[in-house]
Amino acid sequence: MIFKRFREDIDSFKARDPAAHSALEIVLCYPGFHALWFHRLSHWLWKHKLRLLARFISHLGRFLTAIEIHPGAQIGRRFVIDHGAGVVIGETSVIGDDVTLYHAVTLGGIAPAVDSGSQVGVKRHPTIMNGAIIGSGAAVLGPITIGEGARVGANSVVTKDVPPSVTAVGIPAQVVMPRDKRKAREFQPYGTPADGCPDPVLQTIESLRHQVAALAERLEELESKTGAGAQPAPEKRDRQAV
């Protein structure tokens, strides 16, 4: 069982990283792979109430890989951390199958942080559903859900749920385009799309510009019907005469 899972993880890294040339290279040279197996061990210890030893193994993994995964985090099958440096995965994170994270990703908590004692045992970190891709530098914060097959663009900050099979980018992250459901089943590297991704801020500005233009046109129509440059009301004329 362990060997089968070990082989499955190697195959996942090889399938998703074109720079991986052999299984031996992945086993020896991939910190994301090392961090994953440090976590497999520390999580087993955590589940069996050996919490201090679990934290020590996790700490050792962080020291050797620059990737911090809390032993309480739940991680599914075929999970890949590409490059990996700076990745942080919090205690109550839940990660499904076939998920990919790139370097400097944070799966963290969010306010309230005033009374830490009240947060013990509370879901504070994200749930990442099957097949999701989180781009480099992205921060996914709070007990939110990233839907199945969704992508989060590089350096985005996500604090609200992301629906399945969409791409979300920006600070705060906004859904900018749906993903083709057939393509969503296939692995597409990196969280940030290069296939004509629209700018959500520019879209908002353009929408406002069109609304202002429509209002100006409507105002001209009303003025033409009532008479452009209409004379002031009688009361106003009397005051002006005085």
Protein backbone atom coordinates (compact mmCIF):
# COMPACT_ATOMS: atom_id res chain seq x y z
CA MET A 1 0.00 0.00 0.00
CA ILE A 2 2.76 2.44 0.96
CA PHE A 3 4.85 1.52 -2.08
CA LYS A 4 1.81 1.96 -4.35
CA ARG A 5 1.13 5.44 -2.90
CA PHE A 6 4.85 6.29 -3.18
CA ARG A 7 4.87 5.30 -6.86
CA GLU A 8 1.63 7.18 -7.49
CA ASP A 9 3.12 10.39 -6.06
CA ILE A 10 6.24 10.03 -8.22
CA ASP A 11 4.10 9.57 -11.34
CA SER A 12 2.05 12.66 -10.43
CA PHE A 13 5.14 14.86 -10.17
CA LYS A 14 6.48 13.49 -13.45
CA ALA A 15 3.16 14.04 -15.24
CA ARG A 16 2.82 17.68 -14.11
CA ASP A 17 6.40 18.92 -14.32
CA PRO A 18 8.03 18.85 -17.76
CA ALA A 19 11.40 19.44 -16.08
CA ALA A 20 11.23 16.06 -14.33
CA HIS A 21 13.20 13.50 -16.35
CA SER A 22 13.16 10.43 -14.14
CA ALA A 23 11.67 8.92 -11.01
CA LEU A 24 15.08 8.92 -9.34
CA GLU A 25 15.46 12.65 -9.99
CA ILE A 26 12.10 13.29 -8.30
CA VAL A 27 12.97 11.16 -5.27
CA LEU A 28 16.38 12.79 -4.80
CA CYS A 29 15.90 16.38 -5.96
CA TYR A 30 12.28 17.50 -5.49
CA PRO A 31 11.61 19.32 -2.19
CA GLY A 32 7.86 19.22 -2.85
CA PHE A 33 8.01 15.42 -2.96
CA HIS A 34 10.12 15.31 0.20
CA ALA A 35 7.74 17.67 2.04
CA LEU A 36 4.77 15.53 1.03
CA TRP A 37 6.28 12.40 2.54
CA PHE A 38 7.40 14.19 5.67
CA HIS A 39 3.74 15.19 5.97
CA ARG A 40 2.45 11.68 5.35
CA LEU A 41 4.50 10.50 8.34
CA SER A 42 3.75 13.46 10.60
CA HIS A 43 0.01 13.28 9.82
CA TRP A 44 -0.07 9.59 10.76
CA LEU A 45 1.57 10.45 14.07
CA TRP A 46 -0.86 13.35 14.56
CA LYS A 47 -3.88 11.09 14.04
CA HIS A 48 -2.47 8.64 16.59
CA LYS A 49 -2.16 11.42 19.23
CA LEU A 50 1.64 11.58 19.05
CA ARG A 51 1.36 15.33 18.59
CA LEU A 52 4.80 16.47 19.77
CA LEU A 53 6.62 13.92 17.62
CA ALA A 54 4.38 14.87 14.69
CA ARG A 55 5.29 18.53 15.12
CA PHE A 56 8.98 17.66 15.34
CA ILE A 57 8.86 15.65 12.09
CA SER A 58 6.95 18.51 10.45
CA HIS A 59 9.54 21.00 11.72
CA LEU A 60 12.35 18.84 10.36
CA GLY A 61 10.61 18.73 6.99
CA ARG A 62 10.28 22.51 6.96
CA PHE A 63 13.98 22.89 7.80
CA LEU A 64 15.02 20.60 4.93
CA THR A 65 12.54 21.73 2.26
CA ALA A 66 11.46 25.33 3.09
CA ILE A 67 7.87 24.04 2.91
CA GLU A 68 5.68 24.19 6.03
CA ILE A 69 2.78 21.75 6.27
CA HIS A 70 1.05 21.43 9.62
CA PRO A 71 0.69 17.75 10.56
CA GLY A 72 -3.02 18.27 11.17
CA ALA A 73 -3.68 19.24 7.53
CA GLN A 74 -5.56 16.63 5.47
CA ILE A 75 -4.07 15.98 2.03
CA GLY A 76 -5.49 13.68 -0.64
CA ARG A 77 -3.84 11.57 -3.31
CA ARG A 78 -1.59 12.70 -6.17
CA PHE A 79 -0.85 16.04 -4.51
CA VAL A 80 1.96 18.03 -6.14
CA ILE A 81 3.91 21.02 -4.83
CA ASP A 82 6.00 22.33 -7.72
CA HIS A 83 9.18 24.26 -6.80
CA GLY A 84 7.75 24.61 -3.31
CA ALA A 85 9.85 27.18 -1.46
CA GLY A 86 7.73 29.29 0.88
CA VAL A 87 4.57 27.16 0.77
CA VAL A 88 2.57 27.24 4.04
CA ILE A 89 -0.39 24.92 4.70
CA GLY A 90 -2.32 25.52 7.92
CA GLU A 91 -3.60 23.03 10.47
CA THR A 92 -7.25 22.77 9.38
CA SER A 93 -6.60 22.84 5.64
CA VAL A 94 -8.27 20.08 3.63
CA ILE A 95 -6.85 19.27 0.20
CA GLY A 96 -8.53 16.88 -2.23
CA ASP A 97 -7.04 14.63 -4.89
CA ASP A 98 -4.98 15.81 -7.89
CA VAL A 99 -4.38 19.30 -6.45
CA THR A 100 -1.33 21.32 -7.55
CA LEU A 101 0.34 24.14 -5.61
CA TYR A 102 3.21 26.30 -6.80
CA HIS A 103 5.85 28.06 -4.72
CA ALA A 104 5.04 30.65 -2.03
CA VAL A 105 1.37 29.63 -1.78
CA THR A 106 -0.28 30.21 1.61
CA LEU A 107 -3.31 28.28 2.79
CA GLY A 108 -3.84 30.37 5.90
CA GLY A 109 -6.32 31.74 8.37
CA ILE A 110 -7.95 35.13 8.64
CA ALA A 111 -9.46 37.39 11.34
CA PRO A 112 -10.67 37.13 14.06
CA ALA A 113 -7.31 36.52 15.65
CA VAL A 114 -7.87 38.38 18.94
CA ASP A 115 -8.75 35.38 21.08
CA SER A 116 -6.58 32.50 19.84
CA GLY A 117 -7.97 30.17 22.48
CA SER A 118 -11.45 30.33 20.97
CA GLN A 119 -10.04 29.23 17.60
CA VAL A 120 -8.73 25.87 18.85
CA GLY A 121 -10.46 23.04 17.01
CA VAL A 122 -12.28 25.48 14.71
CA LYS A 123 -12.01 25.25 10.93
CA ARG A 124 -9.76 28.22 10.09
CA HIS A 125 -8.12 27.26 6.82
CA PRO A 126 -9.29 26.56 3.25
CA THR A 127 -10.67 23.47 1.60
CA ILE A 128 -9.19 22.83 -1.85
CA MET A 129 -11.33 20.51 -3.95
CA ASN A 130 -10.12 17.90 -6.44
CA GLY A 131 -8.08 19.06 -9.42
CA ALA A 132 -7.66 22.68 -8.32
CA ILE A 133 -4.49 24.62 -9.22
CA ILE A 134 -3.12 27.41 -7.00
CA GLY A 135 -0.60 29.68 -8.74
CA SER A 136 2.66 30.91 -7.24
CA GLY A 137 2.43 33.49 -4.47
CA ALA A 138 -1.33 33.14 -4.03
CA ALA A 139 -2.84 33.50 -0.55
CA VAL A 140 -6.02 31.52 0.09
CA LEU A 141 -7.29 32.68 3.47
CA GLY A 142 -10.01 31.55 5.83
CA PRO A 143 -12.42 28.58 5.93
CA ILE A 144 -13.40 28.96 2.28
CA THR A 145 -13.68 26.45 -0.55
CA ILE A 146 -11.83 26.44 -3.86
CA GLY A 147 -14.10 24.48 -6.18
CA GLU A 148 -13.24 21.38 -8.15
CA GLY A 149 -11.08 22.11 -11.19
CA ALA A 150 -10.74 25.83 -10.33
CA ARG A 151 -7.58 27.86 -10.90
CA VAL A 152 -6.25 30.69 -8.72
CA GLY A 153 -3.85 33.05 -10.48
CA ALA A 154 -0.38 33.95 -9.26
CA ASN A 155 -0.20 36.45 -6.37
CA SER A 156 -3.98 36.51 -5.95
CA VAL A 157 -5.57 36.94 -2.51
CA VAL A 158 -8.68 34.80 -2.07
CA THR A 159 -11.01 35.34 0.90
CA LYS A 160 -14.29 34.07 -0.60
CA ASP A 161 -15.39 30.78 -2.13
CA VAL A 162 -14.32 30.12 -5.72
CA PRO A 163 -16.84 28.11 -7.79
CA PRO A 164 -15.81 24.93 -9.60
CA SER A 165 -14.17 25.12 -13.04
CA VAL A 166 -13.41 28.85 -13.09
CA THR A 167 -10.29 31.02 -13.00
CA ALA A 168 -9.95 33.66 -10.27
CA VAL A 169 -7.25 36.36 -10.24
CA GLY A 170 -6.48 39.64 -8.48
CA ILE A 171 -6.53 41.28 -5.05
CA PRO A 172 -9.11 40.49 -3.90
CA ALA A 173 -9.53 37.61 -6.33
CA GLN A 174 -12.40 37.83 -8.81
CA VAL A 175 -13.70 35.23 -11.22
CA VAL A 176 -12.58 36.32 -14.67
CA MET A 177 -13.40 33.38 -16.89
CA PRO A 178 -14.99 29.94 -16.81
CA ARG A 179 -12.94 26.91 -17.70
CA ASP A 180 -13.98 24.49 -20.40
CA LYS A 181 -15.27 21.46 -18.48
CA ARG A 182 -13.37 19.07 -20.74
CA LYS A 183 -10.14 20.99 -20.20
CA ALA A 184 -10.82 21.24 -16.47
CA ARG A 185 -10.43 17.46 -16.29
CA GLU A 186 -6.99 17.75 -17.88
CA PHE A 187 -3.99 19.19 -16.09
CA GLN A 188 -3.06 22.65 -17.34
CA PRO A 189 0.11 23.95 -15.69
CA TYR A 190 0.19 27.14 -13.63
CA GLY A 191 -2.70 28.99 -12.06
CA THR A 192 -2.51 32.05 -14.31
CA PRO A 193 -4.00 31.49 -17.78
CA ALA A 194 -2.40 32.86 -20.92
CA ASP A 195 -5.48 32.32 -23.09
CA GLY A 196 -6.89 35.85 -23.21
CA CYS A 197 -7.54 36.34 -19.52
CA PRO A 198 -9.52 39.58 -19.07
CA ASP A 199 -8.59 42.22 -16.50
CA PRO A 200 -11.48 42.44 -13.97
CA VAL A 201 -10.59 46.03 -12.99
CA LEU A 202 -10.54 47.12 -16.64
CA GLN A 203 -13.85 45.34 -17.19
CA THR A 204 -15.41 47.28 -14.30
CA ILE A 205 -14.07 50.60 -15.62
CA GLU A 206 -15.37 49.85 -19.11
CA SER A 207 -18.77 48.93 -17.70
CA LEU A 208 -18.94 52.22 -15.78
CA ARG A 209 -17.86 54.16 -18.86
CA HIS A 210 -20.66 52.62 -20.92
CA GLN A 211 -23.20 53.37 -18.18
CA VAL A 212 -22.09 57.02 -18.00
CA ALA A 213 -22.33 57.32 -21.80
CA ALA A 214 -25.83 55.81 -21.74
CA LEU A 215 -26.91 58.22 -18.99
CA ALA A 216 -25.51 61.20 -20.91
CA GLU A 217 -27.39 60.12 -24.03
CA ARG A 218 -30.60 59.72 -22.04
CA LEU A 219 -30.12 63.17 -20.48
CA GLU A 220 -29.76 64.75 -23.93
CA GLU A 221 -33.00 63.09 -25.02
CA LEU A 222 -34.85 64.45 -21.99
CA GLU A 223 -33.43 67.96 -22.53
CA SER A 224 -34.47 67.92 -26.18
CA LYS A 225 -38.03 66.98 -25.20
CA THR A 226 -38.34 69.63 -22.50
CA GLY A 227 -36.42 72.30 -24.39
CA ALA A 228 -32.69 72.80 -24.01
CA GLY A 229 -31.70 75.66 -21.76
CA ALA A 230 -35.22 75.95 -20.29
CA GLN A 231 -36.05 79.24 -18.52
CA PRO A 232 -35.90 79.29 -14.71
CA ALA A 233 -39.08 78.73 -12.76
CA PRO A 234 -41.27 81.87 -12.10
CA GLU A 235 -40.31 82.08 -8.42
CA LYS A 236 -36.63 82.02 -9.34
CA ARG A 237 -37.14 84.78 -11.98
CA ASP A 238 -38.87 86.99 -9.40
CA ARG A 239 -35.99 86.60 -6.96
CA GLN A 240 -33.47 87.38 -9.71
CA ALA A 241 -35.44 90.56 -10.65
CA VAL A 242 -35.36 91.78 -7.04
